[in-house]
Amino acid sequence: MKTKIKLKLKIQSIEPQKRRKNRFTITFESGDVFGISEDVLLSMPLSIGQIIDPNEFEKIQFLESSIGIKNQVLILLSYRQRSRAELTRRLKLKGHPLAMIISILDELESKGFINDTDFAKMFATHLIENKKIGRVAVQSEFYPHQIPESVLGSILDDLYEKHPPIELVKTIISKKMTTRAKSQKEKLRMINFLKRKGFVWEDMESEIQGIEWDG
């Protein structure tokens, strides 16, 4: 039985893949093939005629999976910053084992590729400065990202000190009311709109009451 396993895992050829850069195809004597990245090939030098025992093959497969997951994370991060929770969720949906996901994200976090505080600052700034939404809505947007309140709270305090909710509401109303009638129906629509934007009555009261609504 041992001889049969060794024959099955004897390398017959190692060839670069034509359509996939930095990847190689390993063909065993049995005719089985296995795709491998250049990174794994460099970390575990393999040669034609080499016999791979089952434990070594499992290690190669593990390294191949780890590098594949890591590359997926780095590609996602190349587009924009992401929270650790978002990355975990996306990798789990792809069917990767949770233990492997945690290990890889731990490594990338230790190297600074993942930083939930930096992500929270970036995302909160976008929501407040660009989308001009209130604290309730911002916290709702952050719910899937699992940022601790001890981190998010201070970030939001600083941003809303720089961009007071009352001023955000004023900007929104000024833009909306340029083409709208000042009817009681429109007043109610405006209040409900601001609530959906995450503002509470305290944020909007002075601006709403400052308008001379008809009726």
C-alpha atoms as a PDB file:
ATOM      1  CA  MET A   1       0.000   0.000   0.000  1.00  0.00           C
ATOM      2  CA  LYS A   2       2.809   2.434   0.825  1.00  0.00           C
ATOM      3  CA  THR A   3       4.526   1.757  -2.525  1.00  0.00           C
ATOM      4  CA  LYS A   4       1.266   2.459  -4.359  1.00  0.00           C
ATOM      5  CA  ILE A   5       0.895   5.843  -2.630  1.00  0.00           C
ATOM      6  CA  LYS A   6       4.479   6.804  -3.459  1.00  0.00           C
ATOM      7  CA  LEU A   7       4.038   5.917  -7.128  1.00  0.00           C
ATOM      8  CA  LYS A   8       0.859   7.966  -7.280  1.00  0.00           C
ATOM      9  CA  LEU A   9       2.686  11.017  -5.924  1.00  0.00           C
ATOM     10  CA  LYS A  10       5.816  10.763  -8.072  1.00  0.00           C
ATOM     11  CA  ILE A  11       6.226  13.944 -10.124  1.00  0.00           C
ATOM     12  CA  GLN A  12       6.351  13.347 -13.861  1.00  0.00           C
ATOM     13  CA  SER A  13       6.424  16.968 -15.067  1.00  0.00           C
ATOM     14  CA  ILE A  14       6.234  20.586 -13.904  1.00  0.00           C
ATOM     15  CA  GLU A  15       5.111  23.014 -16.594  1.00  0.00           C
ATOM     16  CA  PRO A  16       4.081  26.700 -16.579  1.00  0.00           C
ATOM     17  CA  GLN A  17       0.448  27.318 -17.433  1.00  0.00           C
ATOM     18  CA  LYS A  18      -0.016  29.186 -20.705  1.00  0.00           C
ATOM     19  CA  ARG A  19      -3.069  31.216 -19.749  1.00  0.00           C
ATOM     20  CA  ARG A  20      -2.378  31.872 -16.083  1.00  0.00           C
ATOM     21  CA  LYS A  21       0.733  33.820 -15.206  1.00  0.00           C
ATOM     22  CA  ASN A  22       2.842  32.630 -12.250  1.00  0.00           C
ATOM     23  CA  ARG A  23       1.077  29.264 -12.073  1.00  0.00           C
ATOM     24  CA  PHE A  24       2.342  25.788 -12.848  1.00  0.00           C
ATOM     25  CA  THR A  25       0.784  22.403 -13.522  1.00  0.00           C
ATOM     26  CA  ILE A  26       2.289  19.394 -11.771  1.00  0.00           C
ATOM     27  CA  THR A  27       1.573  16.034 -13.420  1.00  0.00           C
ATOM     28  CA  PHE A  28       2.060  12.849 -11.410  1.00  0.00           C
ATOM     29  CA  GLU A  29       2.922   9.421 -12.816  1.00  0.00           C
ATOM     30  CA  SER A  30      -0.656   8.378 -12.178  1.00  0.00           C
ATOM     31  CA  GLY A  31      -1.848  11.034 -14.634  1.00  0.00           C
ATOM     32  CA  ASP A  32      -3.316  13.198 -11.883  1.00  0.00           C
ATOM     33  CA  VAL A  33      -2.596  16.903 -12.200  1.00  0.00           C
ATOM     34  CA  PHE A  34      -2.349  19.649  -9.614  1.00  0.00           C
ATOM     35  CA  GLY A  35      -2.184  23.417 -10.119  1.00  0.00           C
ATOM     36  CA  ILE A  36       0.320  25.302  -8.005  1.00  0.00           C
ATOM     37  CA  SER A  37       1.349  28.945  -7.684  1.00  0.00           C
ATOM     38  CA  GLU A  38       4.871  30.206  -8.198  1.00  0.00           C
ATOM     39  CA  ASP A  39       4.973  31.325  -4.559  1.00  0.00           C
ATOM     40  CA  VAL A  40       4.337  27.788  -3.311  1.00  0.00           C
ATOM     41  CA  LEU A  41       6.802  26.328  -5.798  1.00  0.00           C
ATOM     42  CA  LEU A  42       9.492  28.678  -4.496  1.00  0.00           C
ATOM     43  CA  SER A  43       8.733  27.957  -0.848  1.00  0.00           C
ATOM     44  CA  MET A  44       8.698  24.187  -1.394  1.00  0.00           C
ATOM     45  CA  PRO A  45      11.085  23.434  -4.279  1.00  0.00           C
ATOM     46  CA  LEU A  46       9.815  20.485  -6.290  1.00  0.00           C
ATOM     47  CA  SER A  47      11.527  18.591  -9.079  1.00  0.00           C
ATOM     48  CA  ILE A  48      10.705  16.003 -11.728  1.00  0.00           C
ATOM     49  CA  GLY A  49      11.075  12.479 -10.379  1.00  0.00           C
ATOM     50  CA  GLN A  50      10.567  13.602  -6.790  1.00  0.00           C
ATOM     51  CA  ILE A  51       8.272  11.424  -4.703  1.00  0.00           C
ATOM     52  CA  ILE A  52       5.875  13.383  -2.492  1.00  0.00           C
ATOM     53  CA  ASP A  53       4.533  11.600   0.561  1.00  0.00           C
ATOM     54  CA  PRO A  54       0.913  12.267   1.642  1.00  0.00           C
ATOM     55  CA  ASN A  55       1.935  14.616   4.485  1.00  0.00           C
ATOM     56  CA  GLU A  56       4.036  16.749   2.152  1.00  0.00           C
ATOM     57  CA  PHE A  57       1.215  16.849  -0.372  1.00  0.00           C
ATOM     58  CA  GLU A  58      -1.215  18.025   2.306  1.00  0.00           C
ATOM     59  CA  LYS A  59       1.245  20.765   3.249  1.00  0.00           C
ATOM     60  CA  ILE A  60       1.487  21.860  -0.389  1.00  0.00           C
ATOM     61  CA  GLN A  61      -2.305  21.945  -0.655  1.00  0.00           C
ATOM     62  CA  PHE A  62      -2.537  23.970   2.566  1.00  0.00           C
ATOM     63  CA  LEU A  63       0.039  26.496   1.361  1.00  0.00           C
ATOM     64  CA  GLU A  64      -1.696  26.750  -2.007  1.00  0.00           C
ATOM     65  CA  SER A  65      -5.043  27.435  -0.322  1.00  0.00           C
ATOM     66  CA  SER A  66      -3.490  29.962   2.075  1.00  0.00           C
ATOM     67  CA  ILE A  67      -1.787  31.917  -0.696  1.00  0.00           C
ATOM     68  CA  GLY A  68      -4.985  31.830  -2.754  1.00  0.00           C
ATOM     69  CA  ILE A  69      -6.995  33.299   0.125  1.00  0.00           C
ATOM     70  CA  LYS A  70      -4.327  35.895   0.864  1.00  0.00           C
ATOM     71  CA  ASN A  71      -4.293  37.005  -2.773  1.00  0.00           C
ATOM     72  CA  GLN A  72      -8.092  37.323  -2.742  1.00  0.00           C
ATOM     73  CA  VAL A  73      -7.871  39.586   0.305  1.00  0.00           C
ATOM     74  CA  LEU A  74      -5.136  41.736  -1.210  1.00  0.00           C
ATOM     75  CA  ILE A  75      -7.134  42.154  -4.420  1.00  0.00           C
ATOM     76  CA  LEU A  76     -10.170  43.299  -2.426  1.00  0.00           C
ATOM     77  CA  LEU A  77      -8.020  45.737  -0.437  1.00  0.00           C
ATOM     78  CA  SER A  78      -6.498  47.116  -3.642  1.00  0.00           C
ATOM     79  CA  TYR A  79      -9.892  48.648  -4.494  1.00  0.00           C
ATOM     80  CA  ARG A  80     -10.591  50.207  -1.085  1.00  0.00           C
ATOM     81  CA  GLN A  81     -10.149  49.714   2.633  1.00  0.00           C
ATOM     82  CA  ARG A  82     -12.343  47.032   4.171  1.00  0.00           C
ATOM     83  CA  SER A  83     -13.165  45.954   7.680  1.00  0.00           C
ATOM     84  CA  ARG A  84     -12.019  42.618   9.025  1.00  0.00           C
ATOM     85  CA  ALA A  85     -15.655  41.553   9.446  1.00  0.00           C
ATOM     86  CA  GLU A  86     -16.418  42.295   5.789  1.00  0.00           C
ATOM     87  CA  LEU A  87     -13.397  40.305   4.618  1.00  0.00           C
ATOM     88  CA  THR A  88     -14.309  37.391   6.882  1.00  0.00           C
ATOM     89  CA  ARG A  89     -17.857  37.359   5.547  1.00  0.00           C
ATOM     90  CA  ARG A  90     -16.787  37.408   1.900  1.00  0.00           C
ATOM     91  CA  LEU A  91     -14.208  34.650   2.373  1.00  0.00           C
ATOM     92  CA  LYS A  92     -16.700  32.450   4.227  1.00  0.00           C
ATOM     93  CA  LEU A  93     -19.142  32.848   1.333  1.00  0.00           C
ATOM     94  CA  LYS A  94     -16.427  31.471  -0.950  1.00  0.00           C
ATOM     95  CA  GLY A  95     -16.332  28.351   1.207  1.00  0.00           C
ATOM     96  CA  HIS A  96     -12.936  28.837   2.861  1.00  0.00           C
ATOM     97  CA  PRO A  97     -12.435  27.251   6.321  1.00  0.00           C
ATOM     98  CA  LEU A  98     -12.918  29.738   9.154  1.00  0.00           C
ATOM     99  CA  ALA A  99      -9.706  28.686  10.925  1.00  0.00           C
ATOM    100  CA  MET A 100      -7.671  29.422   7.797  1.00  0.00           C
ATOM    101  CA  ILE A 101      -9.453  32.760   7.295  1.00  0.00           C
ATOM    102  CA  ILE A 102      -8.694  33.833  10.859  1.00  0.00           C
ATOM    103  CA  SER A 103      -5.031  32.849  10.545  1.00  0.00           C
ATOM    104  CA  ILE A 104      -4.555  34.768   7.287  1.00  0.00           C
ATOM    105  CA  LEU A 105      -6.412  37.869   8.478  1.00  0.00           C
ATOM    106  CA  ASP A 106      -4.367  37.824  11.705  1.00  0.00           C
ATOM    107  CA  GLU A 107      -1.188  37.842   9.617  1.00  0.00           C
ATOM    108  CA  LEU A 108      -2.356  40.647   7.327  1.00  0.00           C
ATOM    109  CA  GLU A 109      -3.615  42.662  10.297  1.00  0.00           C
ATOM    110  CA  SER A 110      -0.240  42.343  12.045  1.00  0.00           C
ATOM    111  CA  LYS A 111       1.418  43.679   8.884  1.00  0.00           C
ATOM    112  CA  GLY A 112      -0.935  46.659   8.685  1.00  0.00           C
ATOM    113  CA  PHE A 113      -2.895  45.594   5.611  1.00  0.00           C
ATOM    114  CA  ILE A 114      -6.085  45.445   7.693  1.00  0.00           C
ATOM    115  CA  ASN A 115      -6.866  48.153  10.235  1.00  0.00           C
ATOM    116  CA  ASP A 116     -10.423  48.546  11.490  1.00  0.00           C
ATOM    117  CA  THR A 117      -9.733  51.956  13.022  1.00  0.00           C
ATOM    118  CA  ASP A 118      -8.423  53.359   9.734  1.00  0.00           C
ATOM    119  CA  PHE A 119     -11.353  51.780   7.903  1.00  0.00           C
ATOM    120  CA  ALA A 120     -13.835  53.296  10.357  1.00  0.00           C
ATOM    121  CA  LYS A 121     -12.334  56.777   9.928  1.00  0.00           C
ATOM    122  CA  MET A 122     -12.431  56.510   6.144  1.00  0.00           C
ATOM    123  CA  PHE A 123     -15.952  55.099   5.925  1.00  0.00           C
ATOM    124  CA  ALA A 124     -17.444  57.439   8.521  1.00  0.00           C
ATOM    125  CA  THR A 125     -15.865  60.459   6.822  1.00  0.00           C
ATOM    126  CA  HIS A 126     -17.401  59.399   3.506  1.00  0.00           C
ATOM    127  CA  LEU A 127     -20.849  58.899   5.033  1.00  0.00           C
ATOM    128  CA  ILE A 128     -20.858  62.214   6.891  1.00  0.00           C
ATOM    129  CA  GLU A 129     -19.019  64.534   4.519  1.00  0.00           C
ATOM    130  CA  ASN A 130     -20.251  63.126   1.203  1.00  0.00           C
ATOM    131  CA  LYS A 131     -23.603  61.501   1.969  1.00  0.00           C
ATOM    132  CA  LYS A 132     -24.421  63.917   4.782  1.00  0.00           C
ATOM    133  CA  ILE A 133     -26.224  61.456   6.996  1.00  0.00           C
ATOM    134  CA  GLY A 134     -26.947  61.536  10.696  1.00  0.00           C
ATOM    135  CA  ARG A 135     -25.495  59.466  13.486  1.00  0.00           C
ATOM    136  CA  VAL A 136     -28.322  56.920  13.629  1.00  0.00           C
ATOM    137  CA  ALA A 137     -27.898  56.086   9.930  1.00  0.00           C
ATOM    138  CA  VAL A 138     -24.108  56.004  10.180  1.00  0.00           C
ATOM    139  CA  GLN A 139     -24.255  53.509  13.034  1.00  0.00           C
ATOM    140  CA  SER A 140     -26.662  51.384  10.981  1.00  0.00           C
ATOM    141  CA  GLU A 141     -24.209  51.389   8.046  1.00  0.00           C
ATOM    142  CA  PHE A 142     -21.461  50.220  10.394  1.00  0.00           C
ATOM    143  CA  TYR A 143     -23.447  47.374  11.915  1.00  0.00           C
ATOM    144  CA  PRO A 144     -22.135  44.659   9.495  1.00  0.00           C
ATOM    145  CA  HIS A 145     -18.543  45.772  10.104  1.00  0.00           C
ATOM    146  CA  GLN A 146     -18.576  45.009  13.841  1.00  0.00           C
ATOM    147  CA  ILE A 147     -16.447  48.002  14.836  1.00  0.00           C
ATOM    148  CA  PRO A 148     -16.343  48.300  18.656  1.00  0.00           C
ATOM    149  CA  GLU A 149     -18.337  51.241  20.016  1.00  0.00           C
ATOM    150  CA  SER A 150     -15.227  52.320  21.922  1.00  0.00           C
ATOM    151  CA  VAL A 151     -13.551  52.902  18.551  1.00  0.00           C
ATOM    152  CA  LEU A 152     -16.481  54.118  16.447  1.00  0.00           C
ATOM    153  CA  GLY A 153     -17.922  56.417  19.100  1.00  0.00           C
ATOM    154  CA  SER A 154     -14.890  58.664  19.376  1.00  0.00           C
ATOM    155  CA  ILE A 155     -14.508  58.795  15.586  1.00  0.00           C
ATOM    156  CA  LEU A 156     -18.112  59.933  15.162  1.00  0.00           C
ATOM    157  CA  ASP A 157     -17.774  62.458  17.993  1.00  0.00           C
ATOM    158  CA  ASP A 158     -14.812  64.074  16.228  1.00  0.00           C
ATOM    159  CA  LEU A 159     -16.497  64.104  12.809  1.00  0.00           C
ATOM    160  CA  TYR A 160     -19.788  65.541  14.069  1.00  0.00           C
ATOM    161  CA  GLU A 161     -17.879  68.205  15.971  1.00  0.00           C
ATOM    162  CA  LYS A 162     -16.303  69.162  12.642  1.00  0.00           C
ATOM    163  CA  HIS A 163     -19.606  68.777  10.766  1.00  0.00           C
ATOM    164  CA  PRO A 164     -22.434  69.550  13.240  1.00  0.00           C
ATOM    165  CA  PRO A 165     -25.681  67.699  12.441  1.00  0.00           C
ATOM    166  CA  ILE A 166     -27.570  71.014  12.439  1.00  0.00           C
ATOM    167  CA  GLU A 167     -25.305  72.308   9.652  1.00  0.00           C
ATOM    168  CA  LEU A 168     -25.733  69.093   7.658  1.00  0.00           C
ATOM    169  CA  VAL A 169     -29.506  69.405   7.991  1.00  0.00           C
ATOM    170  CA  LYS A 170     -29.333  73.037   6.921  1.00  0.00           C
ATOM    171  CA  THR A 171     -27.420  72.075   3.775  1.00  0.00           C
ATOM    172  CA  ILE A 172     -29.908  69.320   2.928  1.00  0.00           C
ATOM    173  CA  ILE A 173     -32.961  71.512   3.437  1.00  0.00           C
ATOM    174  CA  SER A 174     -31.452  74.383   1.474  1.00  0.00           C
ATOM    175  CA  LYS A 175     -30.838  72.077  -1.488  1.00  0.00           C
ATOM    176  CA  LYS A 176     -34.211  70.340  -1.302  1.00  0.00           C
ATOM    177  CA  MET A 177     -36.391  73.417  -0.825  1.00  0.00           C
ATOM    178  CA  THR A 178     -35.144  75.380  -3.814  1.00  0.00           C
ATOM    179  CA  THR A 179     -37.763  73.725  -6.036  1.00  0.00           C
ATOM    180  CA  ARG A 180     -40.423  72.681  -3.535  1.00  0.00           C
ATOM    181  CA  ALA A 181     -43.523  74.353  -2.173  1.00  0.00           C
ATOM    182  CA  LYS A 182     -43.634  75.234   1.520  1.00  0.00           C
ATOM    183  CA  SER A 183     -46.791  73.280   2.197  1.00  0.00           C
ATOM    184  CA  GLN A 184     -47.567  71.310   5.344  1.00  0.00           C
ATOM    185  CA  LYS A 185     -47.435  68.147   3.259  1.00  0.00           C
ATOM    186  CA  GLU A 186     -43.928  69.070   2.109  1.00  0.00           C
ATOM    187  CA  LYS A 187     -42.945  69.841   5.702  1.00  0.00           C
ATOM    188  CA  LEU A 188     -43.935  66.335   6.771  1.00  0.00           C
ATOM    189  CA  ARG A 189     -42.104  64.846   3.790  1.00  0.00           C
ATOM    190  CA  MET A 190     -38.976  66.790   4.722  1.00  0.00           C
ATOM    191  CA  ILE A 191     -39.098  65.652   8.360  1.00  0.00           C
ATOM    192  CA  ASN A 192     -39.514  62.015   7.339  1.00  0.00           C
ATOM    193  CA  PHE A 193     -36.709  62.342   4.789  1.00  0.00           C
ATOM    194  CA  LEU A 194     -34.340  63.707   7.419  1.00  0.00           C
ATOM    195  CA  LYS A 195     -35.309  60.922   9.801  1.00  0.00           C
ATOM    196  CA  ARG A 196     -34.442  58.368   7.116  1.00  0.00           C
ATOM    197  CA  LYS A 197     -31.099  60.141   6.741  1.00  0.00           C
ATOM    198  CA  GLY A 198     -30.434  59.362  10.396  1.00  0.00           C
ATOM    199  CA  PHE A 199     -31.188  62.716  12.032  1.00  0.00           C
ATOM    200  CA  VAL A 200     -33.217  63.127  15.201  1.00  0.00           C
ATOM    201  CA  TRP A 201     -35.688  65.952  15.898  1.00  0.00           C
ATOM    202  CA  GLU A 202     -33.110  67.854  17.927  1.00  0.00           C
ATOM    203  CA  ASP A 203     -30.881  68.028  14.825  1.00  0.00           C
ATOM    204  CA  MET A 204     -33.591  69.411  12.550  1.00  0.00           C
ATOM    205  CA  GLU A 205     -35.948  71.364  14.821  1.00  0.00           C
ATOM    206  CA  SER A 206     -34.424  74.836  14.425  1.00  0.00           C
ATOM    207  CA  GLU A 207     -34.221  74.598  10.622  1.00  0.00           C
ATOM    208  CA  ILE A 208     -37.696  73.096  10.202  1.00  0.00           C
ATOM    209  CA  GLN A 209     -39.284  75.656  12.526  1.00  0.00           C
ATOM    210  CA  GLY A 210     -37.379  78.463  10.857  1.00  0.00           C
ATOM    211  CA  ILE A 211     -39.201  77.956   7.551  1.00  0.00           C
ATOM    212  CA  GLU A 212     -42.479  79.845   6.978  1.00  0.00           C
ATOM    213  CA  TRP A 213     -44.619  76.911   5.936  1.00  0.00           C
ATOM    214  CA  ASP A 214     -47.928  77.639   4.259  1.00  0.00           C
ATOM    215  CA  GLY A 215     -51.035  76.977   6.296  1.00  0.00           C
END
